[in-house]
C-alpha atoms as a PDB file:
ATOM      1  CA  MET A   1      -2.315  15.314   6.648  1.00  0.00           C
ATOM      2  CA  SER A   2      -1.172  12.943   3.904  1.00  0.00           C
ATOM      3  CA  ASP A   3      -0.181   9.319   4.367  1.00  0.00           C
ATOM      4  CA  PRO A   4       3.527   8.620   4.892  1.00  0.00           C
ATOM      5  CA  ILE A   5       5.363   7.406   1.806  1.00  0.00           C
ATOM      6  CA  ILE A   6       6.975   4.466   3.616  1.00  0.00           C
ATOM      7  CA  SER A   7       5.476   2.867   6.678  1.00  0.00           C
ATOM      8  CA  LYS A   8       8.441   0.683   7.664  1.00  0.00           C
ATOM      9  CA  ILE A   9      12.150   1.246   7.282  1.00  0.00           C
ATOM     10  CA  LEU A  10      13.764  -1.876   5.839  1.00  0.00           C
ATOM     11  CA  CYS A  11      17.194  -2.972   6.991  1.00  0.00           C
ATOM     12  CA  PRO A  12      19.689  -2.671   4.093  1.00  0.00           C
ATOM     13  CA  LYS A  13      21.655  -5.676   5.392  1.00  0.00           C
ATOM     14  CA  CYS A  14      18.958  -8.317   6.017  1.00  0.00           C
ATOM     15  CA  GLY A  15      15.804  -6.713   4.523  1.00  0.00           C
ATOM     16  CA  SER A  16      13.670  -7.091   7.655  1.00  0.00           C
ATOM     17  CA  SER A  17      11.307  -4.408   8.882  1.00  0.00           C
ATOM     18  CA  THR A  18      12.296  -4.811  12.540  1.00  0.00           C
ATOM     19  CA  THR A  19      14.199  -1.535  12.603  1.00  0.00           C
ATOM     20  CA  PHE A  20      13.860   1.369  14.972  1.00  0.00           C
ATOM     21  CA  ILE A  21      15.394   4.799  15.415  1.00  0.00           C
ATOM     22  CA  GLU A  22      16.666   5.896  18.811  1.00  0.00           C
ATOM     23  CA  ARG A  23      18.630   8.874  20.046  1.00  0.00           C
ATOM     24  CA  ASP A  24      22.013   8.612  21.721  1.00  0.00           C
ATOM     25  CA  TYR A  25      21.765  10.919  24.731  1.00  0.00           C
ATOM     26  CA  ALA A  26      25.513  11.509  24.988  1.00  0.00           C
ATOM     27  CA  THR A  27      26.092  12.660  21.388  1.00  0.00           C
ATOM     28  CA  LYS A  28      22.476  13.707  20.616  1.00  0.00           C
ATOM     29  CA  GLU A  29      22.550  11.908  17.246  1.00  0.00           C
ATOM     30  CA  ARG A  30      20.090   9.360  15.916  1.00  0.00           C
ATOM     31  CA  ILE A  31      20.868   5.670  15.595  1.00  0.00           C
ATOM     32  CA  LEU A  32      19.054   3.310  13.215  1.00  0.00           C
ATOM     33  CA  SER A  33      19.171  -0.254  14.585  1.00  0.00           C
ATOM     34  CA  CYS A  34      17.906  -3.608  13.334  1.00  0.00           C
ATOM     35  CA  PHE A  35      16.684  -6.239  15.804  1.00  0.00           C
ATOM     36  CA  MET A  36      17.250  -9.156  13.413  1.00  0.00           C
ATOM     37  CA  CYS A  37      20.860  -8.690  12.312  1.00  0.00           C
ATOM     38  CA  GLY A  38      22.159  -6.042  14.721  1.00  0.00           C
ATOM     39  CA  MET A  39      23.058  -3.540  11.985  1.00  0.00           C
ATOM     40  CA  ARG A  40      23.481   0.040  13.214  1.00  0.00           C
ATOM     41  CA  ALA A  41      23.724   3.319  11.319  1.00  0.00           C
ATOM     42  CA  TYR A  42      24.897   6.357  13.276  1.00  0.00           C
ATOM     43  CA  GLY A  43      23.931   9.918  12.425  1.00  0.00           C
ATOM     44  CA  ASP A  44      21.410  11.583  10.165  1.00  0.00           C
ATOM     45  CA  ILE A  45      23.629  11.361   7.077  1.00  0.00           C
ATOM     46  CA  GLU A  46      23.962   7.569   7.279  1.00  0.00           C
ATOM     47  CA  ILE A  47      20.247   7.150   7.977  1.00  0.00           C
ATOM     48  CA  GLN A  48      19.441   9.409   5.003  1.00  0.00           C
ATOM     49  CA  LYS A  49      21.622   7.211   2.730  1.00  0.00           C
ATOM     50  CA  ILE A  50      19.522   4.206   3.783  1.00  0.00           C
ATOM     51  CA  LEU A  51      16.155   5.967   3.494  1.00  0.00           C
ATOM     52  CA  LEU A  52      16.529   7.711   0.115  1.00  0.00           C
ATOM     53  CA  PRO A  53      16.452   4.563  -2.083  1.00  0.00           C
ATOM     54  CA  GLN A  54      13.470   3.231  -0.104  1.00  0.00           C
ATOM     55  CA  ILE A  55      11.556   6.509  -0.487  1.00  0.00           C
ATOM     56  CA  GLU A  56      12.258   6.622  -4.239  1.00  0.00           C
ATOM     57  CA  ALA A  57      11.078   3.011  -4.658  1.00  0.00           C
ATOM     58  CA  ALA A  58       7.895   3.772  -2.721  1.00  0.00           C
ATOM     59  CA  LYS A  59       7.188   6.843  -4.880  1.00  0.00           C
ATOM     60  CA  GLU A  60       7.626   4.782  -8.069  1.00  0.00           C
ATOM     61  CA  LYS A  61       5.261   2.161  -6.687  1.00  0.00           C
ATOM     62  CA  GLN A  62       2.645   4.854  -5.982  1.00  0.00           C
ATOM     63  CA  LEU A  63       2.948   6.201  -9.530  1.00  0.00           C
ATOM     64  CA  LYS A  64       2.465   2.724 -11.029  1.00  0.00           C
ATOM     65  CA  ARG A  65      -0.784   2.192  -9.122  1.00  0.00           C
ATOM     66  CA  VAL A  66      -3.554   2.363 -11.705  1.00  0.00           C
ATOM     67  CA  GLN A  67      -7.124   3.362 -10.914  1.00  0.00           C
ATOM     68  CA  ARG A  68      -9.559   0.670 -11.995  1.00  0.00           C
ATOM     69  CA  LEU A  69     -13.260   1.234 -12.577  1.00  0.00           C
ATOM     70  CA  CYS A  70     -15.971  -0.775 -10.861  1.00  0.00           C
ATOM     71  CA  SER A  71     -16.561  -4.113 -12.631  1.00  0.00           C
ATOM     72  CA  TRP A  72     -20.352  -4.081 -12.253  1.00  0.00           C
ATOM     73  CA  LYS A  73     -21.721  -3.296 -15.716  1.00  0.00           C
ATOM     74  CA  ASP A  74     -24.577  -1.088 -14.447  1.00  0.00           C
ATOM     75  CA  CYS A  75     -22.623   0.842 -11.795  1.00  0.00           C
ATOM     76  CA  ASN A  76     -23.770   4.448 -11.701  1.00  0.00           C
ATOM     77  CA  LYS A  77     -22.724   5.548  -8.221  1.00  0.00           C
ATOM     78  CA  ASP A  78     -20.652   8.486  -9.444  1.00  0.00           C
ATOM     79  CA  ASN A  79     -23.419  10.712 -10.869  1.00  0.00           C
ATOM     80  CA  GLY A  80     -24.352   8.330 -13.646  1.00  0.00           C
ATOM     81  CA  SER A  81     -20.882   6.974 -14.421  1.00  0.00           C
ATOM     82  CA  ARG A  82     -18.741   4.216 -12.953  1.00  0.00           C
ATOM     83  CA  ARG A  83     -16.886   4.912  -9.740  1.00  0.00           C
ATOM     84  CA  ASN A  84     -13.268   3.877  -9.105  1.00  0.00           C
ATOM     85  CA  ALA A  85     -12.912   0.463  -7.519  1.00  0.00           C
ATOM     86  CA  ARG A  86     -11.683   0.150  -3.953  1.00  0.00           C
ATOM     87  CA  THR A  87      -8.159  -1.061  -3.296  1.00  0.00           C
ATOM     88  CA  ASN A  88      -7.832  -4.850  -3.482  1.00  0.00           C
ATOM     89  CA  SER A  89     -11.309  -5.108  -5.020  1.00  0.00           C
ATOM     90  CA  LYS A  90     -12.998  -5.163  -8.410  1.00  0.00           C
ATOM     91  CA  TYR A  91     -15.996  -3.185  -7.169  1.00  0.00           C
ATOM     92  CA  CYS A  92     -16.624   0.255  -5.713  1.00  0.00           C
ATOM     93  CA  SER A  93     -18.953  -1.035  -3.001  1.00  0.00           C
ATOM     94  CA  ARG A  94     -20.412  -4.146  -1.439  1.00  0.00           C
ATOM     95  CA  ASP A  95     -23.671  -3.284  -3.167  1.00  0.00           C
ATOM     96  CA  CYS A  96     -22.137  -3.587  -6.648  1.00  0.00           C
ATOM     97  CA  SER A  97     -20.448  -6.843  -5.689  1.00  0.00           C
ATOM     98  CA  ASN A  98     -23.772  -8.311  -4.529  1.00  0.00           C
ATOM     99  CA  LYS A  99     -25.597  -7.077  -7.649  1.00  0.00           C
ATOM    100  CA  ASN A 100     -22.991  -8.751  -9.844  1.00  0.00           C
ATOM    101  CA  ALA A 101     -23.259 -12.011  -7.885  1.00  0.00           C
ATOM    102  CA  ARG A 102     -27.062 -12.018  -8.217  1.00  0.00           C
ATOM    103  CA  TYR A 103     -26.819 -11.282 -11.938  1.00  0.00           C
ATOM    104  CA  ARG A 104     -24.346 -14.128 -12.513  1.00  0.00           C
ATOM    105  CA  TYR A 105     -26.568 -16.480 -10.500  1.00  0.00           C
ATOM    106  CA  LEU A 106     -29.590 -15.644 -12.695  1.00  0.00           C
ATOM    107  CA  GLU A 107     -27.520 -16.084 -15.859  1.00  0.00           C
ATOM    108  CA  ARG A 108     -26.358 -19.547 -14.753  1.00  0.00           C
ATOM    109  CA  LYS A 109     -29.934 -20.453 -13.846  1.00  0.00           C
ATOM    110  CA  LYS A 110     -31.130 -19.462 -17.381  1.00  0.00           C
ATOM    111  CA  ILE A 111     -28.392 -21.483 -19.099  1.00  0.00           C
ATOM    112  CA  GLY A 112     -28.716 -24.550 -16.873  1.00  0.00           C
ATOM    113  CA  GLY A 113     -32.283 -25.071 -17.394  1.00  0.00           C
END
């Protein structure tokens, strides 16, 4: 199963993520409510109008995400070539990060004396 495109529904009025969807038992329709400002959207059509721009923005954000390669110069974890870096990191693994730190330490030691 793939990850959801959006994890939180943002309120169109105040922008907070404290929204929830409930079902009205009398009319059997869904209601989107915001805890912060009290905004309510009744029915699937109104909820869809709120969700579509957020889904499109999330898809554009996913497309803009660029795959970076591991920053360690001698990384060969992917069958002799560099592996993609992890999210929010410059390196593919903790091992490459430590190797780079040790290398920089030795380089500073050579220069300093």
